[in-house]
Amino acid sequence: MALRPEDRFDPVAAEYDRARPGYPQHVIAWLCERAGVGPGDSALDLGAGTGLLSRRLVEAGLDVLAAEPNGRMRGVLAERVPAARVLPDPAEELSLGSGEVALATAAQAFHWFEQPRALEEIRRVLRPTGSFAVIWATIGDHSLAERINRVSFDLLEAQGGSAGPVPGEALGWDEHFEPIGRRTFDSGWELPPGMLPAHVGSYSVVANLPELEREELLAEVADWPETTGGATIPFEVEVNLARARD
């Protein structure tokens, strides 16, 4: 039986936060300016995970609601982003009143949603002039991206999964939202020595392999050239921003 999306990160909840790159503050500054939000405004971070984006929204002065259905990740989130109000809500069933938030975000999470239901719920909880941002964070043009993609997509196919929307693909949100901006930010990820196995292990398709298979795969990753020393890896953050329709 396939795991529910909210259960797939159980094995790596404690490591996810340190193994994934965060979001540069200038990306958040652009997002807030384009969305017309600022200190004191409410922001709902959907599929917040361990709070990699939530903490940046808090730093921007927003009143953050961080919704994460995975209990283990929610525990890490509450510890590491204490200023956020943590909710157990899935994007498809939010425990908020209509029109409560000025900005909703989904960073590395939109592909886990049941999009039609989630989009309707997100529109419901947004203010009439509220905005919704779908954010993707990916390794740029680098041999490491090719290696990781080959592993992850092969495993996804073997496990009978679907990639869902990926960076650059249509989001199917036009019924409820009017796109108002899309921008890709180039950055760099300082990859510490020895961190790569933990990073690859944080992908759900790897985390949920049988233990022996996972250990064998991560042992192979430990021999990849990028693992042996610190490196700066090209990193891209794609922000898709839309305004709620009347």
C-alpha atoms as a PDB file:
ATOM      1  CA  MET A   1       0.000   0.000   0.000  1.00  0.00           C
ATOM      2  CA  ALA A   2       1.339   3.430  -0.930  1.00  0.00           C
ATOM      3  CA  LEU A   3       2.165   5.737   1.925  1.00  0.00           C
ATOM      4  CA  ARG A   4       0.059   8.828   2.439  1.00  0.00           C
ATOM      5  CA  PRO A   5       1.967  12.003   1.513  1.00  0.00           C
ATOM      6  CA  GLU A   6       1.842  13.170   5.120  1.00  0.00           C
ATOM      7  CA  ASP A   7       3.632   9.997   6.267  1.00  0.00           C
ATOM      8  CA  ARG A   8       6.398   9.836   3.709  1.00  0.00           C
ATOM      9  CA  PHE A   9       8.883  11.986   5.609  1.00  0.00           C
ATOM     10  CA  ASP A  10       8.628  10.178   8.945  1.00  0.00           C
ATOM     11  CA  PRO A  11      12.065   8.511   8.629  1.00  0.00           C
ATOM     12  CA  VAL A  12      13.923  11.771   7.906  1.00  0.00           C
ATOM     13  CA  ALA A  13      12.035  14.445   9.832  1.00  0.00           C
ATOM     14  CA  ALA A  14      14.926  15.070  12.217  1.00  0.00           C
ATOM     15  CA  GLU A  15      17.496  15.377   9.417  1.00  0.00           C
ATOM     16  CA  TYR A  16      15.441  17.192   6.783  1.00  0.00           C
ATOM     17  CA  ASP A  17      16.087  20.647   8.182  1.00  0.00           C
ATOM     18  CA  ARG A  18      19.874  20.399   8.123  1.00  0.00           C
ATOM     19  CA  ALA A  19      20.045  18.460   4.846  1.00  0.00           C
ATOM     20  CA  ARG A  20      18.059  20.856   2.674  1.00  0.00           C
ATOM     21  CA  PRO A  21      19.130  24.338   1.561  1.00  0.00           C
ATOM     22  CA  GLY A  22      17.056  27.221   2.859  1.00  0.00           C
ATOM     23  CA  TYR A  23      15.601  30.249   1.090  1.00  0.00           C
ATOM     24  CA  PRO A  24      17.666  33.420   0.568  1.00  0.00           C
ATOM     25  CA  GLN A  25      16.231  36.473   2.283  1.00  0.00           C
ATOM     26  CA  HIS A  26      16.216  38.505  -0.951  1.00  0.00           C
ATOM     27  CA  VAL A  27      13.747  36.002  -2.399  1.00  0.00           C
ATOM     28  CA  ILE A  28      11.406  36.656   0.521  1.00  0.00           C
ATOM     29  CA  ALA A  29      11.862  40.412   0.125  1.00  0.00           C
ATOM     30  CA  TRP A  30      10.802  40.219  -3.536  1.00  0.00           C
ATOM     31  CA  LEU A  31       7.854  37.981  -2.675  1.00  0.00           C
ATOM     32  CA  CYS A  32       6.568  40.297   0.057  1.00  0.00           C
ATOM     33  CA  GLU A  33       6.951  43.399  -2.077  1.00  0.00           C
ATOM     34  CA  ARG A  34       5.236  41.840  -5.097  1.00  0.00           C
ATOM     35  CA  ALA A  35       2.439  40.416  -2.942  1.00  0.00           C
ATOM     36  CA  GLY A  36       1.974  43.695  -1.099  1.00  0.00           C
ATOM     37  CA  VAL A  37       2.478  42.278   2.393  1.00  0.00           C
ATOM     38  CA  GLY A  38       4.627  43.473   5.252  1.00  0.00           C
ATOM     39  CA  PRO A  39       5.215  43.275   8.993  1.00  0.00           C
ATOM     40  CA  GLY A  40       2.108  42.248  10.902  1.00  0.00           C
ATOM     41  CA  ASP A  41       0.336  40.734   7.908  1.00  0.00           C
ATOM     42  CA  SER A  42      -0.717  37.096   8.156  1.00  0.00           C
ATOM     43  CA  ALA A  43       0.988  34.396   6.107  1.00  0.00           C
ATOM     44  CA  LEU A  44      -0.001  30.741   5.812  1.00  0.00           C
ATOM     45  CA  ASP A  45       2.871  28.402   4.927  1.00  0.00           C
ATOM     46  CA  LEU A  46       1.360  25.180   3.589  1.00  0.00           C
ATOM     47  CA  GLY A  47       3.242  21.904   3.771  1.00  0.00           C
ATOM     48  CA  ALA A  48       5.687  23.816   5.944  1.00  0.00           C
ATOM     49  CA  GLY A  49       7.827  20.777   6.762  1.00  0.00           C
ATOM     50  CA  THR A  50      10.486  21.718   9.294  1.00  0.00           C
ATOM     51  CA  GLY A  51       9.990  25.430   8.651  1.00  0.00           C
ATOM     52  CA  LEU A  52      12.693  26.300   6.135  1.00  0.00           C
ATOM     53  CA  LEU A  53      10.428  28.922   4.553  1.00  0.00           C
ATOM     54  CA  SER A  54       8.385  29.693   7.669  1.00  0.00           C
ATOM     55  CA  ARG A  55      11.414  31.033   9.517  1.00  0.00           C
ATOM     56  CA  ARG A  56      12.180  33.408   6.658  1.00  0.00           C
ATOM     57  CA  LEU A  57       8.609  34.687   6.695  1.00  0.00           C
ATOM     58  CA  VAL A  58       8.893  35.248  10.435  1.00  0.00           C
ATOM     59  CA  GLU A  59      12.150  37.151   9.896  1.00  0.00           C
ATOM     60  CA  ALA A  60      10.275  39.368   7.414  1.00  0.00           C
ATOM     61  CA  GLY A  61       7.919  40.355  10.223  1.00  0.00           C
ATOM     62  CA  LEU A  62       4.901  38.359   9.066  1.00  0.00           C
ATOM     63  CA  ASP A  63       2.461  36.687  11.448  1.00  0.00           C
ATOM     64  CA  VAL A  64       3.061  33.100  10.332  1.00  0.00           C
ATOM     65  CA  LEU A  65       0.706  30.149  10.441  1.00  0.00           C
ATOM     66  CA  ALA A  66       2.679  27.025   9.522  1.00  0.00           C
ATOM     67  CA  ALA A  67       0.509  24.101   8.408  1.00  0.00           C
ATOM     68  CA  GLU A  68       2.202  20.679   8.353  1.00  0.00           C
ATOM     69  CA  PRO A  69       0.267  17.385   8.527  1.00  0.00           C
ATOM     70  CA  ASN A  70       3.323  15.233   9.320  1.00  0.00           C
ATOM     71  CA  GLY A  71       3.563  14.962  13.086  1.00  0.00           C
ATOM     72  CA  ARG A  72       7.311  14.378  13.267  1.00  0.00           C
ATOM     73  CA  MET A  73       8.140  17.275  10.978  1.00  0.00           C
ATOM     74  CA  ARG A  74       5.666  19.416  12.878  1.00  0.00           C
ATOM     75  CA  GLY A  75       7.616  18.728  16.067  1.00  0.00           C
ATOM     76  CA  VAL A  76      10.851  19.952  14.467  1.00  0.00           C
ATOM     77  CA  LEU A  77       9.006  22.961  13.052  1.00  0.00           C
ATOM     78  CA  ALA A  78       7.609  23.969  16.448  1.00  0.00           C
ATOM     79  CA  GLU A  79      11.071  23.731  18.004  1.00  0.00           C
ATOM     80  CA  ARG A  80      12.950  25.611  15.313  1.00  0.00           C
ATOM     81  CA  VAL A  81      10.371  28.286  14.454  1.00  0.00           C
ATOM     82  CA  PRO A  82       8.791  29.057  17.832  1.00  0.00           C
ATOM     83  CA  ALA A  83       7.317  32.344  16.603  1.00  0.00           C
ATOM     84  CA  ALA A  84       5.065  30.534  14.131  1.00  0.00           C
ATOM     85  CA  ARG A  85       1.663  29.163  15.066  1.00  0.00           C
ATOM     86  CA  VAL A  86       1.867  25.516  14.016  1.00  0.00           C
ATOM     87  CA  LEU A  87      -1.199  23.762  12.595  1.00  0.00           C
ATOM     88  CA  PRO A  88      -1.679  20.063  11.709  1.00  0.00           C
ATOM     89  CA  ASP A  89      -3.822  20.974   8.699  1.00  0.00           C
ATOM     90  CA  PRO A  90      -3.449  19.531   5.214  1.00  0.00           C
ATOM     91  CA  ALA A  91      -3.867  22.041   2.405  1.00  0.00           C
ATOM     92  CA  GLU A  92      -7.141  20.407   1.403  1.00  0.00           C
ATOM     93  CA  GLU A  93      -8.826  20.971   4.790  1.00  0.00           C
ATOM     94  CA  LEU A  94      -7.764  24.117   6.610  1.00  0.00           C
ATOM     95  CA  SER A  95      -9.052  24.973  10.073  1.00  0.00           C
ATOM     96  CA  LEU A  96      -9.125  28.685   9.332  1.00  0.00           C
ATOM     97  CA  GLY A  97     -11.996  31.018   8.688  1.00  0.00           C
ATOM     98  CA  SER A  98     -12.643  32.537   5.291  1.00  0.00           C
ATOM     99  CA  GLY A  99     -10.545  35.542   4.409  1.00  0.00           C
ATOM    100  CA  GLU A 100      -8.098  35.196   7.314  1.00  0.00           C
ATOM    101  CA  VAL A 101      -4.722  35.418   5.579  1.00  0.00           C
ATOM    102  CA  ALA A 102      -2.970  37.897   3.311  1.00  0.00           C
ATOM    103  CA  LEU A 103      -0.451  35.486   1.804  1.00  0.00           C
ATOM    104  CA  ALA A 104      -0.323  31.726   1.353  1.00  0.00           C
ATOM    105  CA  THR A 105       2.815  29.851   0.317  1.00  0.00           C
ATOM    106  CA  ALA A 106       3.681  26.325  -0.751  1.00  0.00           C
ATOM    107  CA  ALA A 107       7.441  25.733  -0.906  1.00  0.00           C
ATOM    108  CA  GLN A 108       8.505  22.324  -2.228  1.00  0.00           C
ATOM    109  CA  ALA A 109       5.017  21.085  -1.293  1.00  0.00           C
ATOM    110  CA  PHE A 110       2.502  21.826  -4.044  1.00  0.00           C
ATOM    111  CA  HIS A 111       3.074  18.489  -5.791  1.00  0.00           C
ATOM    112  CA  TRP A 112       1.831  16.689  -2.647  1.00  0.00           C
ATOM    113  CA  PHE A 113      -1.541  18.477  -2.653  1.00  0.00           C
ATOM    114  CA  GLU A 114      -4.773  17.263  -4.181  1.00  0.00           C
ATOM    115  CA  GLN A 115      -4.707  20.366  -6.335  1.00  0.00           C
ATOM    116  CA  PRO A 116      -8.419  21.058  -7.037  1.00  0.00           C
ATOM    117  CA  ARG A 117      -9.431  20.721  -3.375  1.00  0.00           C
ATOM    118  CA  ALA A 118      -6.360  22.526  -2.082  1.00  0.00           C
ATOM    119  CA  LEU A 119      -6.699  25.447  -4.464  1.00  0.00           C
ATOM    120  CA  GLU A 120     -10.317  25.934  -3.465  1.00  0.00           C
ATOM    121  CA  GLU A 121      -9.400  25.904   0.227  1.00  0.00           C
ATOM    122  CA  ILE A 122      -6.470  28.263  -0.234  1.00  0.00           C
ATOM    123  CA  ARG A 123      -8.694  30.706  -2.094  1.00  0.00           C
ATOM    124  CA  ARG A 124     -11.272  30.474   0.695  1.00  0.00           C
ATOM    125  CA  VAL A 125      -8.885  31.418   3.498  1.00  0.00           C
ATOM    126  CA  LEU A 126      -7.244  34.252   1.557  1.00  0.00           C
ATOM    127  CA  ARG A 127      -8.434  37.814   1.778  1.00  0.00           C
ATOM    128  CA  PRO A 128     -10.084  39.158  -1.393  1.00  0.00           C
ATOM    129  CA  THR A 129      -6.784  40.785  -2.371  1.00  0.00           C
ATOM    130  CA  GLY A 130      -4.627  37.983  -0.990  1.00  0.00           C
ATOM    131  CA  SER A 131      -1.829  36.214  -2.858  1.00  0.00           C
ATOM    132  CA  PHE A 132      -0.637  32.649  -3.231  1.00  0.00           C
ATOM    133  CA  ALA A 133       2.955  31.676  -4.041  1.00  0.00           C
ATOM    134  CA  VAL A 134       4.152  28.292  -5.267  1.00  0.00           C
ATOM    135  CA  ILE A 135       7.891  28.061  -4.715  1.00  0.00           C
ATOM    136  CA  TRP A 136      10.336  25.507  -6.064  1.00  0.00           C
ATOM    137  CA  ALA A 137      13.938  25.128  -4.902  1.00  0.00           C
ATOM    138  CA  THR A 138      16.184  23.066  -7.152  1.00  0.00           C
ATOM    139  CA  ILE A 139      19.834  22.431  -7.850  1.00  0.00           C
ATOM    140  CA  GLY A 140      20.834  24.300 -10.997  1.00  0.00           C
ATOM    141  CA  ASP A 141      22.866  23.190 -13.995  1.00  0.00           C
ATOM    142  CA  HIS A 142      25.348  20.868 -12.314  1.00  0.00           C
ATOM    143  CA  SER A 143      26.361  17.222 -12.460  1.00  0.00           C
ATOM    144  CA  LEU A 144      24.856  16.762  -9.011  1.00  0.00           C
ATOM    145  CA  ALA A 145      21.388  17.661 -10.311  1.00  0.00           C
ATOM    146  CA  GLU A 146      21.720  14.999 -12.994  1.00  0.00           C
ATOM    147  CA  ARG A 147      22.766  12.371 -10.457  1.00  0.00           C
ATOM    148  CA  ILE A 148      19.943  13.182  -8.035  1.00  0.00           C
ATOM    149  CA  ASN A 149      17.306  13.372 -10.758  1.00  0.00           C
ATOM    150  CA  ARG A 150      18.357  10.014 -12.146  1.00  0.00           C
ATOM    151  CA  VAL A 151      18.048   8.410  -8.710  1.00  0.00           C
ATOM    152  CA  SER A 152      14.833  10.109  -7.665  1.00  0.00           C
ATOM    153  CA  PHE A 153      12.882   9.685 -10.896  1.00  0.00           C
ATOM    154  CA  ASP A 154      13.950   6.049 -11.279  1.00  0.00           C
ATOM    155  CA  LEU A 155      12.782   5.347  -7.732  1.00  0.00           C
ATOM    156  CA  LEU A 156       9.566   7.306  -8.248  1.00  0.00           C
ATOM    157  CA  GLU A 157       8.736   5.183 -11.280  1.00  0.00           C
ATOM    158  CA  ALA A 158       9.644   1.978  -9.436  1.00  0.00           C
ATOM    159  CA  GLN A 159       7.417   2.960  -6.522  1.00  0.00           C
ATOM    160  CA  GLY A 160       4.490   3.759  -8.812  1.00  0.00           C
ATOM    161  CA  GLY A 161       4.435   7.438  -7.943  1.00  0.00           C
ATOM    162  CA  SER A 162       3.909  10.592  -9.949  1.00  0.00           C
ATOM    163  CA  ALA A 163       6.065  13.692  -9.913  1.00  0.00           C
ATOM    164  CA  GLY A 164       3.077  16.038 -10.000  1.00  0.00           C
ATOM    165  CA  PRO A 165       3.717  19.611 -11.136  1.00  0.00           C
ATOM    166  CA  VAL A 166       7.429  20.372 -11.385  1.00  0.00           C
ATOM    167  CA  PRO A 167       9.249  23.665 -11.877  1.00  0.00           C
ATOM    168  CA  GLY A 168       8.237  25.324 -15.125  1.00  0.00           C
ATOM    169  CA  GLU A 169       4.995  23.379 -15.519  1.00  0.00           C
ATOM    170  CA  ALA A 170       1.476  24.825 -15.423  1.00  0.00           C
ATOM    171  CA  LEU A 171      -0.027  24.881 -11.931  1.00  0.00           C
ATOM    172  CA  GLY A 172      -3.683  24.609 -12.911  1.00  0.00           C
ATOM    173  CA  TRP A 173      -4.708  27.446 -10.611  1.00  0.00           C
ATOM    174  CA  ASP A 174      -6.397  29.813 -13.089  1.00  0.00           C
ATOM    175  CA  GLU A 175      -9.934  29.152 -11.833  1.00  0.00           C
ATOM    176  CA  HIS A 176      -9.167  30.659  -8.438  1.00  0.00           C
ATOM    177  CA  PHE A 177      -6.041  32.761  -9.035  1.00  0.00           C
ATOM    178  CA  GLU A 178      -4.692  35.279 -11.512  1.00  0.00           C
ATOM    179  CA  PRO A 179      -0.923  34.980 -12.028  1.00  0.00           C
ATOM    180  CA  ILE A 180       0.863  38.250 -11.303  1.00  0.00           C
ATOM    181  CA  GLY A 181       4.523  37.302 -11.362  1.00  0.00           C
ATOM    182  CA  ARG A 182       7.066  34.574 -11.893  1.00  0.00           C
ATOM    183  CA  ARG A 183      10.764  34.898 -11.184  1.00  0.00           C
ATOM    184  CA  THR A 184      13.721  32.572 -10.830  1.00  0.00           C
ATOM    185  CA  PHE A 185      16.522  33.541  -8.471  1.00  0.00           C
ATOM    186  CA  ASP A 186      20.009  32.139  -8.909  1.00  0.00           C
ATOM    187  CA  SER A 187      21.880  31.422  -5.724  1.00  0.00           C
ATOM    188  CA  GLY A 188      24.536  29.116  -4.350  1.00  0.00           C
ATOM    189  CA  TRP A 189      24.275  26.305  -1.823  1.00  0.00           C
ATOM    190  CA  GLU A 190      27.305  25.807   0.347  1.00  0.00           C
ATOM    191  CA  LEU A 191      27.357  22.020   0.556  1.00  0.00           C
ATOM    192  CA  PRO A 192      29.348  20.947   3.640  1.00  0.00           C
ATOM    193  CA  PRO A 193      31.671  17.938   3.332  1.00  0.00           C
ATOM    194  CA  GLY A 194      29.827  14.693   3.952  1.00  0.00           C
ATOM    195  CA  MET A 195      26.348  16.262   3.781  1.00  0.00           C
ATOM    196  CA  LEU A 196      25.316  14.820   0.426  1.00  0.00           C
ATOM    197  CA  PRO A 197      24.107  11.384   1.673  1.00  0.00           C
ATOM    198  CA  ALA A 198      21.845  13.114   4.199  1.00  0.00           C
ATOM    199  CA  HIS A 199      20.504  15.392   1.451  1.00  0.00           C
ATOM    200  CA  VAL A 200      19.738  12.526  -0.931  1.00  0.00           C
ATOM    201  CA  GLY A 201      18.342  10.540   1.988  1.00  0.00           C
ATOM    202  CA  SER A 202      15.875  13.350   2.702  1.00  0.00           C
ATOM    203  CA  TYR A 203      14.040  12.685  -0.572  1.00  0.00           C
ATOM    204  CA  SER A 204      10.898  10.729   0.219  1.00  0.00           C
ATOM    205  CA  VAL A 205      11.550   8.113  -2.462  1.00  0.00           C
ATOM    206  CA  VAL A 206      14.862   7.327  -0.765  1.00  0.00           C
ATOM    207  CA  ALA A 207      13.681   7.690   2.827  1.00  0.00           C
ATOM    208  CA  ASN A 208      11.028   5.021   2.338  1.00  0.00           C
ATOM    209  CA  LEU A 209      13.186   2.362   0.741  1.00  0.00           C
ATOM    210  CA  PRO A 210      13.694  -0.853   2.712  1.00  0.00           C
ATOM    211  CA  GLU A 211      16.534  -0.264   5.155  1.00  0.00           C
ATOM    212  CA  LEU A 212      19.144  -2.360   3.360  1.00  0.00           C
ATOM    213  CA  GLU A 213      18.379  -0.804  -0.042  1.00  0.00           C
ATOM    214  CA  ARG A 214      18.518   2.679   1.445  1.00  0.00           C
ATOM    215  CA  GLU A 215      21.866   2.001   3.139  1.00  0.00           C
ATOM    216  CA  GLU A 216      23.336   0.616  -0.088  1.00  0.00           C
ATOM    217  CA  LEU A 217      22.165   3.604  -2.105  1.00  0.00           C
ATOM    218  CA  LEU A 218      23.495   6.137   0.397  1.00  0.00           C
ATOM    219  CA  ALA A 219      26.805   4.302   0.476  1.00  0.00           C
ATOM    220  CA  GLU A 220      27.001   4.862  -3.292  1.00  0.00           C
ATOM    221  CA  VAL A 221      26.147   8.540  -2.797  1.00  0.00           C
ATOM    222  CA  ALA A 222      28.994   8.802  -0.304  1.00  0.00           C
ATOM    223  CA  ASP A 223      31.345   7.960  -3.196  1.00  0.00           C
ATOM    224  CA  TRP A 224      30.013  10.692  -5.485  1.00  0.00           C
ATOM    225  CA  PRO A 225      32.683  13.340  -6.185  1.00  0.00           C
ATOM    226  CA  GLU A 226      30.588  16.120  -4.641  1.00  0.00           C
ATOM    227  CA  THR A 227      30.625  14.336  -1.263  1.00  0.00           C
ATOM    228  CA  THR A 228      34.358  14.414  -0.695  1.00  0.00           C
ATOM    229  CA  GLY A 229      34.771  18.124   0.025  1.00  0.00           C
ATOM    230  CA  GLY A 230      32.850  21.331   0.580  1.00  0.00           C
ATOM    231  CA  ALA A 231      31.448  22.813  -2.599  1.00  0.00           C
ATOM    232  CA  THR A 232      29.219  25.640  -3.763  1.00  0.00           C
ATOM    233  CA  ILE A 233      26.393  24.148  -5.789  1.00  0.00           C
ATOM    234  CA  PRO A 234      24.310  26.357  -8.127  1.00  0.00           C
ATOM    235  CA  PHE A 235      20.858  26.631  -6.665  1.00  0.00           C
ATOM    236  CA  GLU A 236      17.646  28.101  -8.093  1.00  0.00           C
ATOM    237  CA  VAL A 237      14.492  29.310  -6.383  1.00  0.00           C
ATOM    238  CA  GLU A 238      11.479  29.702  -8.658  1.00  0.00           C
ATOM    239  CA  VAL A 239       8.598  31.798  -7.307  1.00  0.00           C
ATOM    240  CA  ASN A 240       5.187  31.653  -8.985  1.00  0.00           C
ATOM    241  CA  LEU A 241       2.855  34.303  -7.582  1.00  0.00           C
ATOM    242  CA  ALA A 242      -0.861  34.820  -8.147  1.00  0.00           C
ATOM    243  CA  ARG A 243      -3.632  37.010  -6.789  1.00  0.00           C
ATOM    244  CA  ALA A 244      -6.968  35.613  -5.597  1.00  0.00           C
ATOM    245  CA  ARG A 245      -9.753  36.059  -8.130  1.00  0.00           C
ATOM    246  CA  ASP A 246     -13.006  37.759  -7.131  1.00  0.00           C
END
